[in-house]
Amino acid sequence: MAERLELLIPERRIRARVMALGRQIGAEYSGKKLSLVVVLKGACIFAADLMRQIEIPFTIDFITAASYGESARSSGTVVLSGLDRYAERYRNLPSIHRLVFEAGEGGAGKQKPPPKRG
């Protein structure tokens, strides 16, 4: 029997929030260098939608996240790989987690804090 999924957030609400985030990022980083660092693979679609809404120039790069290691079950500890090359250059890098979940629309207080960088 196929798993039945329940719609939690309507598409129009997600689309509106992504558009608002694009405007917010454009306003906050206008005249500054903006670099988007995307966590593979899960954030690719969201990042693509967000990039289409940002009207200022930016660069993009990717990092990876893993919590499974060699196991079939998550260890509960997320390890981000690839951040070392950004350590000095992007010391004040804004967190997409902060933008989405702490801005009110994403259910502030209901999400776990972002994983520690490792």
N, C-alpha and C. Protein backbone atom coordinates (compact mmCIF):
# COMPACT_ATOMS: atom_id res chain seq x y z
N MET A 1 0.83 -1.17 0.00
CA MET A 1 0.00 0.00 0.00
C MET A 1 0.89 1.25 0.00
N ALA A 2 0.59 2.20 -0.84
CA ALA A 2 1.37 3.43 -0.97
C ALA A 2 1.14 4.33 0.23
N GLU A 3 2.21 5.01 0.63
CA GLU A 3 2.11 5.97 1.73
C GLU A 3 1.29 7.17 1.30
N ARG A 4 0.38 7.60 2.13
CA ARG A 4 -0.45 8.74 1.81
C ARG A 4 0.14 9.98 2.48
N LEU A 5 0.40 10.98 1.69
CA LEU A 5 0.99 12.22 2.18
C LEU A 5 -0.09 13.28 2.37
N GLU A 6 0.06 14.05 3.41
CA GLU A 6 -0.90 15.12 3.70
C GLU A 6 -0.27 16.48 3.38
N LEU A 7 -1.00 17.31 2.67
CA LEU A 7 -0.54 18.66 2.34
C LEU A 7 -0.50 19.49 3.62
N LEU A 8 0.66 20.04 3.94
CA LEU A 8 0.81 20.84 5.15
C LEU A 8 0.76 22.34 4.86
N ILE A 9 1.38 22.75 3.75
CA ILE A 9 1.43 24.17 3.40
C ILE A 9 1.02 24.29 1.94
N PRO A 10 -0.01 25.07 1.65
CA PRO A 10 -0.46 25.22 0.26
C PRO A 10 0.63 25.84 -0.62
N GLU A 11 0.66 25.42 -1.88
CA GLU A 11 1.66 25.91 -2.84
C GLU A 11 1.67 27.43 -2.92
N ARG A 12 0.50 28.05 -2.95
CA ARG A 12 0.44 29.52 -3.09
C ARG A 12 1.10 30.22 -1.90
N ARG A 13 0.99 29.63 -0.71
CA ARG A 13 1.63 30.23 0.47
C ARG A 13 3.15 30.10 0.39
N ILE A 14 3.62 28.96 -0.08
CA ILE A 14 5.06 28.76 -0.26
C ILE A 14 5.59 29.73 -1.31
N ARG A 15 4.89 29.83 -2.43
CA ARG A 15 5.31 30.73 -3.51
C ARG A 15 5.37 32.17 -3.02
N ALA A 16 4.38 32.59 -2.26
CA ALA A 16 4.35 33.96 -1.74
C ALA A 16 5.52 34.20 -0.78
N ARG A 17 5.82 33.21 0.05
CA ARG A 17 6.92 33.36 1.01
C ARG A 17 8.26 33.43 0.30
N VAL A 18 8.45 32.61 -0.73
CA VAL A 18 9.70 32.63 -1.50
C VAL A 18 9.86 33.97 -2.19
N MET A 19 8.79 34.52 -2.74
CA MET A 19 8.86 35.83 -3.37
C MET A 19 9.24 36.90 -2.35
N ALA A 20 8.64 36.84 -1.17
CA ALA A 20 8.96 37.80 -0.11
C ALA A 20 10.41 37.68 0.33
N LEU A 21 10.90 36.46 0.45
CA LEU A 21 12.31 36.25 0.81
C LEU A 21 13.24 36.83 -0.25
N GLY A 22 12.90 36.63 -1.52
CA GLY A 22 13.71 37.19 -2.61
C GLY A 22 13.79 38.70 -2.52
N ARG A 23 12.65 39.33 -2.24
CA ARG A 23 12.63 40.80 -2.08
C ARG A 23 13.44 41.23 -0.86
N GLN A 24 13.29 40.51 0.24
CA GLN A 24 14.01 40.83 1.47
C GLN A 24 15.52 40.72 1.27
N ILE A 25 15.94 39.64 0.66
CA ILE A 25 17.37 39.45 0.39
C ILE A 25 17.88 40.54 -0.54
N GLY A 26 17.14 40.86 -1.59
CA GLY A 26 17.54 41.91 -2.52
C GLY A 26 17.69 43.25 -1.82
N ALA A 27 16.78 43.56 -0.91
CA ALA A 27 16.84 44.84 -0.18
C ALA A 27 18.02 44.86 0.79
N GLU A 28 18.21 43.77 1.53
CA GLU A 28 19.27 43.72 2.54
C GLU A 28 20.66 43.69 1.93
N TYR A 29 20.80 43.13 0.73
CA TYR A 29 22.12 42.97 0.12
C TYR A 29 22.33 43.86 -1.10
N SER A 30 21.45 44.81 -1.32
CA SER A 30 21.62 45.74 -2.42
C SER A 30 22.95 46.49 -2.25
N GLY A 31 23.77 46.49 -3.30
CA GLY A 31 25.06 47.16 -3.26
C GLY A 31 26.15 46.35 -2.58
N LYS A 32 25.84 45.15 -2.12
CA LYS A 32 26.82 44.28 -1.46
C LYS A 32 27.01 43.02 -2.31
N LYS A 33 28.08 42.29 -2.03
CA LYS A 33 28.30 41.01 -2.69
C LYS A 33 27.41 39.97 -2.00
N LEU A 34 26.62 39.27 -2.78
CA LEU A 34 25.74 38.24 -2.27
C LEU A 34 26.18 36.89 -2.82
N SER A 35 26.38 35.94 -1.93
CA SER A 35 26.69 34.57 -2.33
C SER A 35 25.69 33.64 -1.67
N LEU A 36 25.07 32.80 -2.46
CA LEU A 36 24.14 31.81 -1.95
C LEU A 36 24.88 30.49 -1.84
N VAL A 37 24.84 29.89 -0.66
CA VAL A 37 25.45 28.59 -0.44
C VAL A 37 24.30 27.63 -0.17
N VAL A 38 24.14 26.66 -1.05
CA VAL A 38 23.00 25.75 -1.03
C VAL A 38 23.43 24.38 -0.52
N VAL A 39 22.63 23.82 0.38
CA VAL A 39 22.90 22.48 0.89
C VAL A 39 22.32 21.45 -0.07
N LEU A 40 23.21 20.61 -0.64
CA LEU A 40 22.76 19.54 -1.53
C LEU A 40 22.21 18.39 -0.71
N LYS A 41 21.30 17.72 -1.13
CA LYS A 41 20.52 17.79 -2.33
C LYS A 41 19.18 18.42 -2.02
N GLY A 42 18.82 18.41 -0.76
CA GLY A 42 17.49 18.81 -0.36
C GLY A 42 17.06 20.23 -0.66
N ALA A 43 17.99 21.16 -0.70
CA ALA A 43 17.63 22.56 -0.88
C ALA A 43 17.66 23.02 -2.33
N CYS A 44 17.98 22.14 -3.26
CA CYS A 44 18.16 22.55 -4.66
C CYS A 44 16.92 23.19 -5.27
N ILE A 45 15.77 22.59 -5.10
CA ILE A 45 14.54 23.11 -5.71
C ILE A 45 14.17 24.44 -5.06
N PHE A 46 14.23 24.48 -3.72
CA PHE A 46 13.94 25.72 -3.02
C PHE A 46 14.90 26.82 -3.46
N ALA A 47 16.19 26.50 -3.54
CA ALA A 47 17.19 27.49 -3.93
C ALA A 47 16.93 28.00 -5.35
N ALA A 48 16.56 27.12 -6.25
CA ALA A 48 16.27 27.53 -7.63
C ALA A 48 15.09 28.50 -7.65
N ASP A 49 14.04 28.18 -6.90
CA ASP A 49 12.88 29.08 -6.82
C ASP A 49 13.28 30.42 -6.23
N LEU A 50 14.08 30.40 -5.17
CA LEU A 50 14.52 31.62 -4.52
C LEU A 50 15.40 32.46 -5.45
N MET A 51 16.32 31.81 -6.15
CA MET A 51 17.22 32.54 -7.06
C MET A 51 16.45 33.30 -8.14
N ARG A 52 15.35 32.71 -8.59
CA ARG A 52 14.54 33.39 -9.61
C ARG A 52 13.89 34.67 -9.08
N GLN A 53 13.79 34.80 -7.78
CA GLN A 53 13.14 35.97 -7.18
C GLN A 53 14.13 37.06 -6.77
N ILE A 54 15.40 36.75 -6.74
CA ILE A 54 16.41 37.73 -6.33
C ILE A 54 16.83 38.53 -7.55
N GLU A 55 16.67 39.83 -7.46
CA GLU A 55 16.91 40.68 -8.63
C GLU A 55 18.26 41.38 -8.62
N ILE A 56 19.13 41.05 -7.68
CA ILE A 56 20.47 41.62 -7.65
C ILE A 56 21.47 40.53 -8.03
N PRO A 57 22.67 40.91 -8.47
CA PRO A 57 23.67 39.90 -8.84
C PRO A 57 24.09 39.06 -7.63
N PHE A 58 24.37 37.79 -7.86
CA PHE A 58 24.86 36.92 -6.80
C PHE A 58 25.65 35.77 -7.40
N THR A 59 26.42 35.11 -6.56
CA THR A 59 27.11 33.89 -6.95
C THR A 59 26.46 32.75 -6.18
N ILE A 60 26.71 31.53 -6.62
CA ILE A 60 26.12 30.35 -5.97
C ILE A 60 27.17 29.27 -5.83
N ASP A 61 27.09 28.57 -4.72
CA ASP A 61 27.95 27.41 -4.49
C ASP A 61 27.16 26.40 -3.68
N PHE A 62 27.74 25.22 -3.50
CA PHE A 62 27.02 24.13 -2.86
C PHE A 62 27.87 23.47 -1.78
N ILE A 63 27.20 23.01 -0.73
CA ILE A 63 27.83 22.19 0.31
C ILE A 63 26.97 20.94 0.47
N THR A 64 27.46 19.98 1.24
CA THR A 64 26.68 18.77 1.49
C THR A 64 26.42 18.61 2.98
N ALA A 65 25.36 17.89 3.29
CA ALA A 65 25.00 17.59 4.66
C ALA A 65 24.77 16.09 4.77
N ALA A 66 25.20 15.50 5.88
CA ALA A 66 25.00 14.07 6.07
C ALA A 66 24.70 13.79 7.53
N SER A 67 23.75 12.91 7.76
CA SER A 67 23.47 12.46 9.12
C SER A 67 23.37 10.94 9.18
N TYR A 68 23.48 10.29 8.04
CA TYR A 68 23.33 8.84 7.99
C TYR A 68 24.65 8.09 8.09
N GLY A 69 25.72 8.69 7.57
CA GLY A 69 27.00 7.99 7.54
C GLY A 69 26.86 6.70 6.76
N GLU A 70 27.29 5.60 7.33
CA GLU A 70 27.21 4.29 6.67
C GLU A 70 25.93 3.55 7.04
N SER A 71 25.14 4.12 7.93
CA SER A 71 23.94 3.47 8.44
C SER A 71 22.71 3.78 7.59
N ALA A 72 21.65 3.01 7.80
CA ALA A 72 20.38 3.26 7.13
C ALA A 72 19.52 4.19 7.97
N ARG A 73 19.97 4.50 9.18
CA ARG A 73 19.23 5.40 10.07
C ARG A 73 20.08 6.62 10.40
N SER A 74 19.40 7.74 10.56
CA SER A 74 20.09 8.98 10.90
C SER A 74 20.69 8.88 12.30
N SER A 75 21.89 9.43 12.44
CA SER A 75 22.53 9.47 13.75
C SER A 75 21.98 10.60 14.60
N GLY A 76 21.27 11.53 13.95
CA GLY A 76 20.76 12.70 14.66
C GLY A 76 21.74 13.86 14.65
N THR A 77 22.97 13.60 14.24
CA THR A 77 23.99 14.64 14.15
C THR A 77 24.24 14.94 12.69
N VAL A 78 24.06 16.19 12.31
CA VAL A 78 24.26 16.60 10.92
C VAL A 78 25.67 17.17 10.77
N VAL A 79 26.38 16.66 9.79
CA VAL A 79 27.73 17.14 9.48
C VAL A 79 27.67 17.84 8.13
N LEU A 80 28.08 19.11 8.11
CA LEU A 80 28.13 19.87 6.86
C LEU A 80 29.54 19.81 6.30
N SER A 81 29.66 19.48 5.03
CA SER A 81 30.96 19.41 4.38
C SER A 81 31.06 20.48 3.31
N GLY A 82 32.21 21.12 3.25
CA GLY A 82 32.43 22.12 2.23
C GLY A 82 32.42 23.53 2.75
N LEU A 83 32.08 23.72 4.03
CA LEU A 83 32.04 25.07 4.60
C LEU A 83 33.42 25.65 4.86
N ASP A 84 34.42 24.80 4.99
CA ASP A 84 35.76 25.29 5.31
C ASP A 84 36.27 26.31 4.30
N ARG A 85 35.89 26.16 3.05
CA ARG A 85 36.36 27.11 2.04
C ARG A 85 35.69 28.48 2.16
N TYR A 86 34.67 28.59 3.01
CA TYR A 86 33.97 29.86 3.21
C TYR A 86 34.29 30.52 4.54
N ALA A 87 35.06 29.88 5.38
CA ALA A 87 35.26 30.32 6.76
C ALA A 87 35.56 31.81 6.89
N GLU A 88 36.56 32.30 6.23
CA GLU A 88 36.91 33.72 6.35
C GLU A 88 36.06 34.60 5.45
N ARG A 89 35.85 34.13 4.24
CA ARG A 89 35.17 34.94 3.23
C ARG A 89 33.72 35.25 3.60
N TYR A 90 33.04 34.30 4.21
CA TYR A 90 31.63 34.47 4.52
C TYR A 90 31.34 34.30 6.00
N ARG A 91 32.12 34.94 6.81
CA ARG A 91 31.97 34.81 8.26
C ARG A 91 30.55 35.18 8.71
N ASN A 92 29.93 36.16 8.08
CA ASN A 92 28.60 36.62 8.48
C ASN A 92 27.52 36.14 7.52
N LEU A 93 27.70 34.95 6.98
CA LEU A 93 26.76 34.38 6.03
C LEU A 93 25.37 34.23 6.65
N PRO A 94 24.34 34.78 6.04
CA PRO A 94 22.99 34.61 6.60
C PRO A 94 22.51 33.18 6.42
N SER A 95 21.78 32.71 7.37
CA SER A 95 21.26 31.36 7.33
C SER A 95 19.88 31.34 6.68
N ILE A 96 19.69 30.48 5.69
CA ILE A 96 18.36 30.33 5.09
C ILE A 96 17.39 29.89 6.18
N HIS A 97 17.86 29.06 7.10
CA HIS A 97 17.02 28.63 8.22
C HIS A 97 16.48 29.85 8.96
N ARG A 98 17.35 30.82 9.25
CA ARG A 98 16.92 32.03 9.95
C ARG A 98 15.90 32.79 9.13
N LEU A 99 16.19 32.95 7.85
CA LEU A 99 15.30 33.72 6.99
C LEU A 99 13.92 33.08 6.88
N VAL A 100 13.88 31.77 6.76
CA VAL A 100 12.61 31.08 6.55
C VAL A 100 11.86 30.85 7.85
N PHE A 101 12.51 30.29 8.84
CA PHE A 101 11.81 29.83 10.02
C PHE A 101 11.70 30.85 11.14
N GLU A 102 12.60 31.80 11.21
CA GLU A 102 12.51 32.77 12.28
C GLU A 102 11.81 34.05 11.84
N ALA A 103 11.42 34.13 10.58
CA ALA A 103 10.76 35.32 10.07
C ALA A 103 9.26 35.30 10.33
N GLY A 104 8.77 34.23 10.93
CA GLY A 104 7.36 34.18 11.29
C GLY A 104 6.53 33.29 10.40
N GLU A 105 6.76 33.29 9.11
CA GLU A 105 5.94 32.52 8.19
C GLU A 105 6.24 31.02 8.27
N GLY A 106 7.44 30.67 8.68
CA GLY A 106 7.81 29.26 8.66
C GLY A 106 7.53 28.53 9.94
N GLY A 107 6.90 29.16 10.89
CA GLY A 107 6.58 28.48 12.13
C GLY A 107 7.67 28.64 13.15
N ALA A 108 8.03 29.87 13.45
CA ALA A 108 9.10 30.15 14.41
C ALA A 108 8.87 29.36 15.68
N GLY A 109 9.95 28.81 16.20
CA GLY A 109 9.87 28.07 17.44
C GLY A 109 9.48 26.61 17.24
N LYS A 110 9.07 26.23 16.07
CA LYS A 110 8.66 24.84 15.83
C LYS A 110 9.76 24.04 15.17
N GLN A 111 10.79 24.70 14.69
CA GLN A 111 11.85 24.00 13.98
C GLN A 111 13.08 23.91 14.87
N LYS A 112 13.88 22.87 14.63
CA LYS A 112 15.15 22.73 15.34
C LYS A 112 16.12 23.80 14.84
N PRO A 113 17.04 24.22 15.67
CA PRO A 113 18.04 25.19 15.18
C PRO A 113 18.90 24.57 14.09
N PRO A 114 19.57 25.42 13.29
CA PRO A 114 20.40 24.88 12.22
C PRO A 114 21.48 23.97 12.79
N PRO A 115 21.94 22.99 12.00
CA PRO A 115 22.97 22.07 12.48
C PRO A 115 24.29 22.78 12.70
N LYS A 116 25.10 22.23 13.59
CA LYS A 116 26.43 22.79 13.83
C LYS A 116 27.31 22.52 12.62
N ARG A 117 28.18 23.46 12.34
CA ARG A 117 29.09 23.30 11.21
C ARG A 117 30.24 22.44 11.64
N GLY A 118 30.59 21.46 10.77
CA GLY A 118 31.65 20.54 11.16
C GLY A 118 32.63 20.28 10.08
